[in-house]
Amino acid sequence: MSVITAIGLVPHGIGVGTAQLIANDRYVHYGDLIAREPESPLDLESLACRAAGCSGRIAAIEAIWDGDTVCDWFVRLLAITSDPAEETQMATVYWSTAKRYLRRTSMRATL
């Protein structure tokens, strides 16, 4: 999105809104040919492995709501370390991913 923002800031150029429409048209036209970020793993083992890779002692795990016009709402799962004071992104959970994951886990729980 930073490229779109940069395009929108060009003097006498197009605005950010128009740049977003252009990006959307490209997604519609090219469909699955556009490389997307792979979905983050949500299983406990994968998240624990990512947390173990943090450079300091983990003081907290934060879940932050975020969203944009392309991806809709999502949650960023962050590991917050105290020494050194950093935040490490462990996962991005999109609405569609959360629905699929919760559906699978609830089905296993009822079996």
PDB file of N, CA and C in Angstrom:
ATOM      1  N   MET A   1       0.824  -1.195   0.000  1.00  0.00           N
ATOM      2  CA  MET A   1       0.000   0.000   0.000  1.00  0.00           C
ATOM      3  C   MET A   1       0.865   1.253   0.000  1.00  0.00           C
ATOM      4  N   SER A   2       2.132   1.152   0.425  1.00  0.00           N
ATOM      5  CA  SER A   2       2.991   2.329   0.452  1.00  0.00           C
ATOM      6  C   SER A   2       3.231   2.875  -0.950  1.00  0.00           C
ATOM      7  N   VAL A   3       3.274   2.007  -1.962  1.00  0.00           N
ATOM      8  CA  VAL A   3       3.440   2.471  -3.338  1.00  0.00           C
ATOM      9  C   VAL A   3       2.223   3.275  -3.746  1.00  0.00           C
ATOM     10  N   ILE A   4       1.039   2.801  -3.390  1.00  0.00           N
ATOM     11  CA  ILE A   4      -0.186   3.527  -3.729  1.00  0.00           C
ATOM     12  C   ILE A   4      -0.202   4.875  -3.037  1.00  0.00           C
ATOM     13  N   THR A   5       0.200   4.893  -1.775  1.00  0.00           N
ATOM     14  CA  THR A   5       0.240   6.169  -1.057  1.00  0.00           C
ATOM     15  C   THR A   5       1.233   7.114  -1.714  1.00  0.00           C
ATOM     16  N   ALA A   6       2.388   6.590  -2.114  1.00  0.00           N
ATOM     17  CA  ALA A   6       3.391   7.426  -2.775  1.00  0.00           C
ATOM     18  C   ALA A   6       2.852   7.963  -4.093  1.00  0.00           C
ATOM     19  N   ILE A   7       2.136   7.120  -4.844  1.00  0.00           N
ATOM     20  CA  ILE A   7       1.547   7.579  -6.109  1.00  0.00           C
ATOM     21  C   ILE A   7       0.542   8.690  -5.833  1.00  0.00           C
ATOM     22  N   GLY A   8      -0.252   8.513  -4.775  1.00  0.00           N
ATOM     23  CA  GLY A   8      -1.275   9.499  -4.443  1.00  0.00           C
ATOM     24  C   GLY A   8      -0.706  10.822  -3.995  1.00  0.00           C
ATOM     25  N   LEU A   9       0.561  10.839  -3.575  1.00  0.00           N
ATOM     26  CA  LEU A   9       1.167  12.068  -3.087  1.00  0.00           C
ATOM     27  C   LEU A   9       1.929  12.838  -4.165  1.00  0.00           C
ATOM     28  N   VAL A  10       1.936  12.312  -5.385  1.00  0.00           N
ATOM     29  CA  VAL A  10       2.616  13.004  -6.475  1.00  0.00           C
ATOM     30  C   VAL A  10       1.875  14.303  -6.774  1.00  0.00           C
ATOM     31  N   PRO A  11       2.584  15.447  -6.768  1.00  0.00           N
ATOM     32  CA  PRO A  11       1.900  16.708  -7.076  1.00  0.00           C
ATOM     33  C   PRO A  11       1.271  16.658  -8.471  1.00  0.00           C
ATOM     34  N   HIS A  12       0.065  17.150  -8.573  1.00  0.00           N
ATOM     35  CA  HIS A  12      -0.678  17.198  -9.828  1.00  0.00           C
ATOM     36  C   HIS A  12      -0.946  15.810 -10.402  1.00  0.00           C
ATOM     37  N   GLY A  13      -0.834  14.790  -9.570  1.00  0.00           N
ATOM     38  CA  GLY A  13      -1.103  13.417 -10.021  1.00  0.00           C
ATOM     39  C   GLY A  13      -2.467  12.962  -9.535  1.00  0.00           C
ATOM     40  N   ILE A  14      -2.634  11.680  -9.495  1.00  0.00           N
ATOM     41  CA  ILE A  14      -3.895  11.121  -9.038  1.00  0.00           C
ATOM     42  C   ILE A  14      -3.919  11.099  -7.510  1.00  0.00           C
ATOM     43  N   GLY A  15      -5.091  11.018  -6.945  1.00  0.00           N
ATOM     44  CA  GLY A  15      -5.227  10.958  -5.498  1.00  0.00           C
ATOM     45  C   GLY A  15      -5.144   9.530  -4.984  1.00  0.00           C
ATOM     46  N   VAL A  16      -5.090   9.386  -3.673  1.00  0.00           N
ATOM     47  CA  VAL A  16      -4.992   8.070  -3.052  1.00  0.00           C
ATOM     48  C   VAL A  16      -6.224   7.230  -3.388  1.00  0.00           C
ATOM     49  N   GLY A  17      -7.403   7.831  -3.369  1.00  0.00           N
ATOM     50  CA  GLY A  17      -8.629   7.098  -3.703  1.00  0.00           C
ATOM     51  C   GLY A  17      -8.573   6.495  -5.095  1.00  0.00           C
ATOM     52  N   THR A  18      -8.127   7.271  -6.068  1.00  0.00           N
ATOM     53  CA  THR A  18      -8.004   6.772  -7.446  1.00  0.00           C
ATOM     54  C   THR A  18      -6.947   5.680  -7.526  1.00  0.00           C
ATOM     55  N   ALA A  19      -5.845   5.845  -6.801  1.00  0.00           N
ATOM     56  CA  ALA A  19      -4.788   4.828  -6.792  1.00  0.00           C
ATOM     57  C   ALA A  19      -5.323   3.511  -6.227  1.00  0.00           C
ATOM     58  N   GLN A  20      -6.158   3.584  -5.190  1.00  0.00           N
ATOM     59  CA  GLN A  20      -6.748   2.366  -4.630  1.00  0.00           C
ATOM     60  C   GLN A  20      -7.682   1.703  -5.629  1.00  0.00           C
ATOM     61  N   LEU A  21      -8.441   2.483  -6.384  1.00  0.00           N
ATOM     62  CA  LEU A  21      -9.313   1.915  -7.411  1.00  0.00           C
ATOM     63  C   LEU A  21      -8.494   1.225  -8.498  1.00  0.00           C
ATOM     64  N   ILE A  22      -7.368   1.814  -8.872  1.00  0.00           N
ATOM     65  CA  ILE A  22      -6.487   1.203  -9.873  1.00  0.00           C
ATOM     66  C   ILE A  22      -5.959  -0.130  -9.349  1.00  0.00           C
ATOM     67  N   ALA A  23      -5.508  -0.158  -8.084  1.00  0.00           N
ATOM     68  CA  ALA A  23      -5.002  -1.398  -7.494  1.00  0.00           C
ATOM     69  C   ALA A  23      -6.098  -2.460  -7.454  1.00  0.00           C
ATOM     70  N   ASN A  24      -7.306  -2.075  -7.094  1.00  0.00           N
ATOM     71  CA  ASN A  24      -8.416  -3.016  -7.062  1.00  0.00           C
ATOM     72  C   ASN A  24      -8.695  -3.571  -8.457  1.00  0.00           C
ATOM     73  N   ASP A  25      -8.686  -2.722  -9.481  1.00  0.00           N
ATOM     74  CA  ASP A  25      -8.911  -3.185 -10.847  1.00  0.00           C
ATOM     75  C   ASP A  25      -7.848  -4.206 -11.264  1.00  0.00           C
ATOM     76  N   ARG A  26      -6.614  -3.987 -10.824  1.00  0.00           N
ATOM     77  CA  ARG A  26      -5.539  -4.935 -11.137  1.00  0.00           C
ATOM     78  C   ARG A  26      -5.805  -6.284 -10.463  1.00  0.00           C
ATOM     79  N   TYR A  27      -6.253  -6.263  -9.201  1.00  0.00           N
ATOM     80  CA  TYR A  27      -6.587  -7.512  -8.510  1.00  0.00           C
ATOM     81  C   TYR A  27      -7.714  -8.246  -9.232  1.00  0.00           C
ATOM     82  N   VAL A  28      -8.742  -7.510  -9.648  1.00  0.00           N
ATOM     83  CA  VAL A  28      -9.867  -8.120 -10.355  1.00  0.00           C
ATOM     84  C   VAL A  28      -9.399  -8.706 -11.682  1.00  0.00           C
ATOM     85  N   HIS A  29      -8.585  -7.946 -12.427  1.00  0.00           N
ATOM     86  CA  HIS A  29      -8.129  -8.399 -13.746  1.00  0.00           C
ATOM     87  C   HIS A  29      -7.179  -9.598 -13.645  1.00  0.00           C
ATOM     88  N   TYR A  30      -6.175  -9.522 -12.768  1.00  0.00           N
ATOM     89  CA  TYR A  30      -5.142 -10.557 -12.709  1.00  0.00           C
ATOM     90  C   TYR A  30      -5.485 -11.709 -11.763  1.00  0.00           C
ATOM     91  N   GLY A  31      -6.440 -11.501 -10.873  1.00  0.00           N
ATOM     92  CA  GLY A  31      -6.910 -12.576  -9.997  1.00  0.00           C
ATOM     93  C   GLY A  31      -5.811 -13.306  -9.260  1.00  0.00           C
ATOM     94  N   ASP A  32      -5.756 -14.621  -9.455  1.00  0.00           N
ATOM     95  CA  ASP A  32      -4.822 -15.469  -8.719  1.00  0.00           C
ATOM     96  C   ASP A  32      -3.371 -15.334  -9.168  1.00  0.00           C
ATOM     97  N   LEU A  33      -3.100 -14.565 -10.207  1.00  0.00           N
ATOM     98  CA  LEU A  33      -1.724 -14.384 -10.657  1.00  0.00           C
ATOM     99  C   LEU A  33      -0.943 -13.434  -9.739  1.00  0.00           C
ATOM    100  N   ILE A  34      -1.645 -12.683  -8.899  1.00  0.00           N
ATOM    101  CA  ILE A  34      -0.989 -11.741  -7.992  1.00  0.00           C
ATOM    102  C   ILE A  34      -0.525 -12.505  -6.766  1.00  0.00           C
ATOM    103  N   ALA A  35       0.761 -12.378  -6.450  1.00  0.00           N
ATOM    104  CA  ALA A  35       1.325 -13.063  -5.279  1.00  0.00           C
ATOM    105  C   ALA A  35       0.779 -12.420  -4.020  1.00  0.00           C
ATOM    106  N   ARG A  36       0.268 -13.248  -3.149  1.00  0.00           N
ATOM    107  CA  ARG A  36      -0.261 -12.775  -1.878  1.00  0.00           C
ATOM    108  C   ARG A  36       0.559 -13.383  -0.750  1.00  0.00           C
ATOM    109  N   GLU A  37       0.497 -12.748   0.408  1.00  0.00           N
ATOM    110  CA  GLU A  37       1.163 -13.281   1.580  1.00  0.00           C
ATOM    111  C   GLU A  37       0.480 -14.580   1.984  1.00  0.00           C
ATOM    112  N   PRO A  38       1.257 -15.606   2.331  1.00  0.00           N
ATOM    113  CA  PRO A  38       0.606 -16.828   2.796  1.00  0.00           C
ATOM    114  C   PRO A  38      -0.089 -16.586   4.142  1.00  0.00           C
ATOM    115  N   GLU A  39      -1.134 -17.358   4.413  1.00  0.00           N
ATOM    116  CA  GLU A  39      -1.838 -17.193   5.675  1.00  0.00           C
ATOM    117  C   GLU A  39      -0.943 -17.612   6.824  1.00  0.00           C
ATOM    118  N   SER A  40      -1.043 -16.911   7.934  1.00  0.00           N
ATOM    119  CA  SER A  40      -0.267 -17.232   9.122  1.00  0.00           C
ATOM    120  C   SER A  40      -0.804 -18.499   9.767  1.00  0.00           C
ATOM    121  N   PRO A  41       0.100 -19.326  10.315  1.00  0.00           N
ATOM    122  CA  PRO A  41      -0.373 -20.509  11.035  1.00  0.00           C
ATOM    123  C   PRO A  41      -1.031 -20.085  12.343  1.00  0.00           C
ATOM    124  N   LEU A  42      -2.064 -20.810  12.743  1.00  0.00           N
ATOM    125  CA  LEU A  42      -2.780 -20.476  13.970  1.00  0.00           C
ATOM    126  C   LEU A  42      -2.666 -21.566  15.030  1.00  0.00           C
ATOM    127  N   ASP A  43      -2.016 -22.679  14.686  1.00  0.00           N
ATOM    128  CA  ASP A  43      -1.916 -23.758  15.661  1.00  0.00           C
ATOM    129  C   ASP A  43      -0.901 -23.383  16.750  1.00  0.00           C
ATOM    130  N   LEU A  44      -1.120 -23.919  17.933  1.00  0.00           N
ATOM    131  CA  LEU A  44      -0.316 -23.571  19.099  1.00  0.00           C
ATOM    132  C   LEU A  44       1.165 -23.880  18.898  1.00  0.00           C
ATOM    133  N   GLU A  45       1.473 -25.007  18.277  1.00  0.00           N
ATOM    134  CA  GLU A  45       2.870 -25.391  18.079  1.00  0.00           C
ATOM    135  C   GLU A  45       3.612 -24.376  17.200  1.00  0.00           C
ATOM    136  N   SER A  46       2.995 -23.943  16.098  1.00  0.00           N
ATOM    137  CA  SER A  46       3.633 -22.973  15.198  1.00  0.00           C
ATOM    138  C   SER A  46       3.814 -21.619  15.873  1.00  0.00           C
ATOM    139  N   LEU A  47       2.790 -21.172  16.611  1.00  0.00           N
ATOM    140  CA  LEU A  47       2.895 -19.886  17.306  1.00  0.00           C
ATOM    141  C   LEU A  47       3.949 -19.944  18.407  1.00  0.00           C
ATOM    142  N   ALA A  48       4.048 -21.076  19.118  1.00  0.00           N
ATOM    143  CA  ALA A  48       5.068 -21.233  20.160  1.00  0.00           C
ATOM    144  C   ALA A  48       6.461 -21.204  19.546  1.00  0.00           C
ATOM    145  N   CYS A  49       6.613 -21.812  18.374  1.00  0.00           N
ATOM    146  CA  CYS A  49       7.908 -21.800  17.670  1.00  0.00           C
ATOM    147  C   CYS A  49       8.291 -20.381  17.281  1.00  0.00           C
ATOM    148  N   ARG A  50       7.329 -19.609  16.785  1.00  0.00           N
ATOM    149  CA  ARG A  50       7.608 -18.215  16.433  1.00  0.00           C
ATOM    150  C   ARG A  50       7.954 -17.390  17.670  1.00  0.00           C
ATOM    151  N   ALA A  51       7.244 -17.635  18.765  1.00  0.00           N
ATOM    152  CA  ALA A  51       7.525 -16.915  20.011  1.00  0.00           C
ATOM    153  C   ALA A  51       8.922 -17.252  20.514  1.00  0.00           C
ATOM    154  N   ALA A  52       9.338 -18.501  20.370  1.00  0.00           N
ATOM    155  CA  ALA A  52      10.673 -18.917  20.812  1.00  0.00           C
ATOM    156  C   ALA A  52      11.773 -18.207  20.027  1.00  0.00           C
ATOM    157  N   GLY A  53      11.459 -17.739  18.825  1.00  0.00           N
ATOM    158  CA  GLY A  53      12.438 -17.031  18.007  1.00  0.00           C
ATOM    159  C   GLY A  53      12.613 -15.564  18.364  1.00  0.00           C
ATOM    160  N   CYS A  54      11.837 -15.059  19.318  1.00  0.00           N
ATOM    161  CA  CYS A  54      11.962 -13.653  19.721  1.00  0.00           C
ATOM    162  C   CYS A  54      13.300 -13.433  20.418  1.00  0.00           C
ATOM    163  N   SER A  55      13.840 -12.236  20.292  1.00  0.00           N
ATOM    164  CA  SER A  55      15.180 -11.947  20.794  1.00  0.00           C
ATOM    165  C   SER A  55      15.250 -11.698  22.295  1.00  0.00           C
ATOM    166  N   GLY A  56      14.148 -11.526  22.969  1.00  0.00           N
ATOM    167  CA  GLY A  56      14.180 -11.263  24.410  1.00  0.00           C
ATOM    168  C   GLY A  56      13.096 -12.032  25.141  1.00  0.00           C
ATOM    169  N   ARG A  57      12.971 -11.749  26.436  1.00  0.00           N
ATOM    170  CA  ARG A  57      11.941 -12.390  27.253  1.00  0.00           C
ATOM    171  C   ARG A  57      10.589 -11.801  26.883  1.00  0.00           C
ATOM    172  N   ILE A  58       9.616 -12.656  26.596  1.00  0.00           N
ATOM    173  CA  ILE A  58       8.284 -12.185  26.205  1.00  0.00           C
ATOM    174  C   ILE A  58       7.528 -11.729  27.445  1.00  0.00           C
ATOM    175  N   ALA A  59       7.109 -10.474  27.422  1.00  0.00           N
ATOM    176  CA  ALA A  59       6.361  -9.897  28.539  1.00  0.00           C
ATOM    177  C   ALA A  59       4.854  -9.974  28.295  1.00  0.00           C
ATOM    178  N   ALA A  60       4.441  -9.986  27.027  1.00  0.00           N
ATOM    179  CA  ALA A  60       3.009 -10.000  26.722  1.00  0.00           C
ATOM    180  C   ALA A  60       2.788 -10.459  25.286  1.00  0.00           C
ATOM    181  N   ILE A  61       1.585 -10.951  25.047  1.00  0.00           N
ATOM    182  CA  ILE A  61       1.109 -11.234  23.690  1.00  0.00           C
ATOM    183  C   ILE A  61      -0.078 -10.305  23.470  1.00  0.00           C
ATOM    184  N   GLU A  62      -0.040  -9.526  22.406  1.00  0.00           N
ATOM    185  CA  GLU A  62      -1.117  -8.575  22.120  1.00  0.00           C
ATOM    186  C   GLU A  62      -1.835  -8.973  20.839  1.00  0.00           C
ATOM    187  N   ALA A  63      -3.128  -8.763  20.825  1.00  0.00           N
ATOM    188  CA  ALA A  63      -3.943  -8.949  19.628  1.00  0.00           C
ATOM    189  C   ALA A  63      -4.535  -7.586  19.292  1.00  0.00           C
ATOM    190  N   ILE A  64      -4.180  -7.051  18.126  1.00  0.00           N
ATOM    191  CA  ILE A  64      -4.584  -5.698  17.746  1.00  0.00           C
ATOM    192  C   ILE A  64      -5.458  -5.761  16.496  1.00  0.00           C
ATOM    193  N   TRP A  65      -6.683  -5.216  16.607  1.00  0.00           N
ATOM    194  CA  TRP A  65      -7.583  -5.119  15.455  1.00  0.00           C
ATOM    195  C   TRP A  65      -7.016  -4.108  14.475  1.00  0.00           C
ATOM    196  N   ASP A  66      -7.109  -4.417  13.209  1.00  0.00           N
ATOM    197  CA  ASP A  66      -6.667  -3.500  12.166  1.00  0.00           C
ATOM    198  C   ASP A  66      -7.539  -3.766  10.951  1.00  0.00           C
ATOM    199  N   GLY A  67      -7.361  -3.019   9.914  1.00  0.00           N
ATOM    200  CA  GLY A  67      -8.132  -3.241   8.705  1.00  0.00           C
ATOM    201  C   GLY A  67      -7.731  -2.287   7.609  1.00  0.00           C
ATOM    202  N   ASP A  68      -8.107  -2.641   6.389  1.00  0.00           N
ATOM    203  CA  ASP A  68      -7.876  -1.752   5.259  1.00  0.00           C
ATOM    204  C   ASP A  68      -8.927  -2.027   4.188  1.00  0.00           C
ATOM    205  N   THR A  69      -8.877  -1.264   3.127  1.00  0.00           N
ATOM    206  CA  THR A  69      -9.904  -1.365   2.084  1.00  0.00           C
ATOM    207  C   THR A  69      -9.731  -2.588   1.205  1.00  0.00           C
ATOM    208  N   VAL A  70      -8.546  -3.197   1.204  1.00  0.00           N
ATOM    209  CA  VAL A  70      -8.305  -4.357   0.357  1.00  0.00           C
ATOM    210  C   VAL A  70      -8.599  -5.656   1.104  1.00  0.00           C
ATOM    211  N   CYS A  71      -8.085  -5.779   2.328  1.00  0.00           N
ATOM    212  CA  CYS A  71      -8.159  -7.050   3.069  1.00  0.00           C
ATOM    213  C   CYS A  71      -9.300  -7.130   4.059  1.00  0.00           C
ATOM    214  N   ASP A  72      -9.989  -6.042   4.327  1.00  0.00           N
ATOM    215  CA  ASP A  72     -11.047  -6.012   5.323  1.00  0.00           C
ATOM    216  C   ASP A  72     -10.423  -6.059   6.723  1.00  0.00           C
ATOM    217  N   TRP A  73     -11.161  -6.531   7.708  1.00  0.00           N
ATOM    218  CA  TRP A  73     -10.679  -6.542   9.091  1.00  0.00           C
ATOM    219  C   TRP A  73      -9.769  -7.729   9.338  1.00  0.00           C
ATOM    220  N   PHE A  74      -8.758  -7.502  10.192  1.00  0.00           N
ATOM    221  CA  PHE A  74      -7.869  -8.581  10.594  1.00  0.00           C
ATOM    222  C   PHE A  74      -7.291  -8.256  11.959  1.00  0.00           C
ATOM    223  N   VAL A  75      -6.664  -9.251  12.575  1.00  0.00           N
ATOM    224  CA  VAL A  75      -6.028  -9.102  13.883  1.00  0.00           C
ATOM    225  C   VAL A  75      -4.547  -9.382  13.713  1.00  0.00           C
ATOM    226  N   ARG A  76      -3.728  -8.502  14.251  1.00  0.00           N
ATOM    227  CA  ARG A  76      -2.275  -8.714  14.280  1.00  0.00           C
ATOM    228  C   ARG A  76      -1.915  -9.254  15.661  1.00  0.00           C
ATOM    229  N   LEU A  77      -1.277 -10.421  15.700  1.00  0.00           N
ATOM    230  CA  LEU A  77      -0.853 -11.033  16.948  1.00  0.00           C
ATOM    231  C   LEU A  77       0.622 -10.716  17.140  1.00  0.00           C
ATOM    232  N   LEU A  78       0.936  -9.994  18.226  1.00  0.00           N
ATOM    233  CA  LEU A  78       2.296  -9.521  18.479  1.00  0.00           C
ATOM    234  C   LEU A  78       2.855 -10.101  19.773  1.00  0.00           C
ATOM    235  N   ALA A  79       4.140 -10.440  19.748  1.00  0.00           N
ATOM    236  CA  ALA A  79       4.858 -10.803  20.969  1.00  0.00           C
ATOM    237  C   ALA A  79       5.635  -9.560  21.403  1.00  0.00           C
ATOM    238  N   ILE A  80       5.417  -9.125  22.633  1.00  0.00           N
ATOM    239  CA  ILE A  80       6.093  -7.944  23.171  1.00  0.00           C
ATOM    240  C   ILE A  80       7.190  -8.421  24.120  1.00  0.00           C
ATOM    241  N   THR A  81       8.432  -8.049  23.822  1.00  0.00           N
ATOM    242  CA  THR A  81       9.551  -8.441  24.692  1.00  0.00           C
ATOM    243  C   THR A  81       9.977  -7.262  25.554  1.00  0.00           C
ATOM    244  N   SER A  82      10.527  -7.596  26.741  1.00  0.00           N
ATOM    245  CA  SER A  82      10.921  -6.535  27.673  1.00  0.00           C
ATOM    246  C   SER A  82      12.390  -6.159  27.545  1.00  0.00           C
ATOM    247  N   ASP A  83      13.249  -7.108  27.215  1.00  0.00           N
ATOM    248  CA  ASP A  83      14.676  -6.791  27.132  1.00  0.00           C
ATOM    249  C   ASP A  83      15.294  -7.592  26.006  1.00  0.00           C
ATOM    250  N   PRO A  84      15.473  -7.048  24.837  1.00  0.00           N
ATOM    251  CA  PRO A  84      15.225  -5.664  24.447  1.00  0.00           C
ATOM    252  C   PRO A  84      13.725  -5.400  24.244  1.00  0.00           C
ATOM    253  N   ALA A  85      13.341  -4.158  24.399  1.00  0.00           N
ATOM    254  CA  ALA A  85      11.943  -3.749  24.229  1.00  0.00           C
ATOM    255  C   ALA A  85      11.613  -3.721  22.736  1.00  0.00           C
ATOM    256  N   GLU A  86      10.919  -4.768  22.283  1.00  0.00           N
ATOM    257  CA  GLU A  86      10.555  -4.889  20.872  1.00  0.00           C
ATOM    258  C   GLU A  86       9.176  -5.510  20.756  1.00  0.00           C
ATOM    259  N   GLU A  87       8.615  -5.417  19.563  1.00  0.00           N
ATOM    260  CA  GLU A  87       7.412  -6.184  19.258  1.00  0.00           C
ATOM    261  C   GLU A  87       7.683  -6.971  17.985  1.00  0.00           C
ATOM    262  N   THR A  88       7.294  -8.229  18.008  1.00  0.00           N
ATOM    263  CA  THR A  88       7.495  -9.130  16.882  1.00  0.00           C
ATOM    264  C   THR A  88       6.149  -9.627  16.413  1.00  0.00           C
ATOM    265  N   GLN A  89       5.867  -9.453  15.139  1.00  0.00           N
ATOM    266  CA  GLN A  89       4.599  -9.937  14.598  1.00  0.00           C
ATOM    267  C   GLN A  89       4.669 -11.452  14.473  1.00  0.00           C
ATOM    268  N   MET A  90       3.719 -12.126  15.120  1.00  0.00           N
ATOM    269  CA  MET A  90       3.688 -13.588  15.083  1.00  0.00           C
ATOM    270  C   MET A  90       2.691 -14.106  14.049  1.00  0.00           C
ATOM    271  N   ALA A  91       1.612 -13.373  13.844  1.00  0.00           N
ATOM    272  CA  ALA A  91       0.593 -13.830  12.899  1.00  0.00           C
ATOM    273  C   ALA A  91      -0.313 -12.673  12.521  1.00  0.00           C
ATOM    274  N   THR A  92      -0.889 -12.768  11.337  1.00  0.00           N
ATOM    275  CA  THR A  92      -1.966 -11.885  10.909  1.00  0.00           C
ATOM    276  C   THR A  92      -3.159 -12.780  10.636  1.00  0.00           C
ATOM    277  N   VAL A  93      -4.240 -12.548  11.348  1.00  0.00           N
ATOM    278  CA  VAL A  93      -5.413 -13.412  11.245  1.00  0.00           C
ATOM    279  C   VAL A  93      -6.523 -12.636  10.539  1.00  0.00           C
ATOM    280  N   TYR A  94      -6.788 -13.028   9.295  1.00  0.00           N
ATOM    281  CA  TYR A  94      -7.840 -12.392   8.526  1.00  0.00           C
ATOM    282  C   TYR A  94      -9.188 -12.996   8.903  1.00  0.00           C
ATOM    283  N   TRP A  95     -10.245 -12.254   8.681  1.00  0.00           N
ATOM    284  CA  TRP A  95     -11.595 -12.681   9.038  1.00  0.00           C
ATOM    285  C   TRP A  95     -11.908 -14.052   8.442  1.00  0.00           C
ATOM    286  N   SER A  96     -11.629 -14.231   7.169  1.00  0.00           N
ATOM    287  CA  SER A  96     -11.939 -15.498   6.500  1.00  0.00           C
ATOM    288  C   SER A  96     -11.139 -16.654   7.100  1.00  0.00           C
ATOM    289  N   THR A  97      -9.886 -16.403   7.433  1.00  0.00           N
ATOM    290  CA  THR A  97      -9.046 -17.430   8.052  1.00  0.00           C
ATOM    291  C   THR A  97      -9.585 -17.806   9.418  1.00  0.00           C
ATOM    292  N   ALA A  98      -9.966 -16.813  10.205  1.00  0.00           N
ATOM    293  CA  ALA A  98     -10.489 -17.057  11.547  1.00  0.00           C
ATOM    294  C   ALA A  98     -11.763 -17.899  11.482  1.00  0.00           C
ATOM    295  N   LYS A  99     -12.643 -17.581  10.539  1.00  0.00           N
ATOM    296  CA  LYS A  99     -13.886 -18.354  10.415  1.00  0.00           C
ATOM    297  C   LYS A  99     -13.589 -19.818  10.097  1.00  0.00           C
ATOM    298  N   ARG A 100     -12.684 -20.070   9.140  1.00  0.00           N
ATOM    299  CA  ARG A 100     -12.334 -21.451   8.773  1.00  0.00           C
ATOM    300  C   ARG A 100     -11.700 -22.179   9.953  1.00  0.00           C
ATOM    301  N   TYR A 101     -10.765 -21.516  10.629  1.00  0.00           N
ATOM    302  CA  TYR A 101     -10.059 -22.139  11.754  1.00  0.00           C
ATOM    303  C   TYR A 101     -11.023 -22.445  12.895  1.00  0.00           C
ATOM    304  N   LEU A 102     -11.869 -21.494  13.241  1.00  0.00           N
ATOM    305  CA  LEU A 102     -12.820 -21.705  14.331  1.00  0.00           C
ATOM    306  C   LEU A 102     -13.832 -22.789  13.978  1.00  0.00           C
ATOM    307  N   ARG A 103     -14.234 -22.867  12.728  1.00  0.00           N
ATOM    308  CA  ARG A 103     -15.168 -23.903  12.292  1.00  0.00           C
ATOM    309  C   ARG A 103     -14.520 -25.279  12.450  1.00  0.00           C
ATOM    310  N   ARG A 104     -13.243 -25.399  12.038  1.00  0.00           N
ATOM    311  CA  ARG A 104     -12.535 -26.684  12.157  1.00  0.00           C
ATOM    312  C   ARG A 104     -12.373 -27.086  13.620  1.00  0.00           C
ATOM    313  N   THR A 105     -11.952 -26.136  14.481  1.00  0.00           N
ATOM    314  CA  THR A 105     -11.719 -26.479  15.884  1.00  0.00           C
ATOM    315  C   THR A 105     -13.018 -26.797  16.606  1.00  0.00           C
ATOM    316  N   SER A 106     -14.112 -26.115  16.260  1.00  0.00           N
ATOM    317  CA  SER A 106     -15.388 -26.418  16.911  1.00  0.00           C
ATOM    318  C   SER A 106     -15.922 -27.771  16.455  1.00  0.00           C
ATOM    319  N   MET A 107     -15.648 -28.159  15.198  1.00  0.00           N
ATOM    320  CA  MET A 107     -16.081 -29.459  14.715  1.00  0.00           C
ATOM    321  C   MET A 107     -15.315 -30.571  15.436  1.00  0.00           C
ATOM    322  N   ARG A 108     -14.010 -30.363  15.684  1.00  0.00           N
ATOM    323  CA  ARG A 108     -13.210 -31.362  16.402  1.00  0.00           C
ATOM    324  C   ARG A 108     -13.680 -31.486  17.851  1.00  0.00           C
ATOM    325  N   ALA A 109     -14.082 -30.377  18.446  1.00  0.00           N
ATOM    326  CA  ALA A 109     -14.504 -30.382  19.840  1.00  0.00           C
ATOM    327  C   ALA A 109     -15.813 -31.167  20.018  1.00  0.00           C
ATOM    328  N   THR A 110     -16.651 -31.177  18.992  1.00  0.00           N
ATOM    329  CA  THR A 110     -17.940 -31.878  19.113  1.00  0.00           C
ATOM    330  C   THR A 110     -17.816 -33.367  18.828  1.00  0.00           C
ATOM    331  N   LEU A 111     -16.696 -33.797  18.230  1.00  0.00           N
ATOM    332  CA  LEU A 111     -16.527 -35.222  17.914  1.00  0.00           C
ATOM    333  C   LEU A 111     -16.154 -36.036  19.099  1.00  0.00           C
TER     334      LEU A 111
END
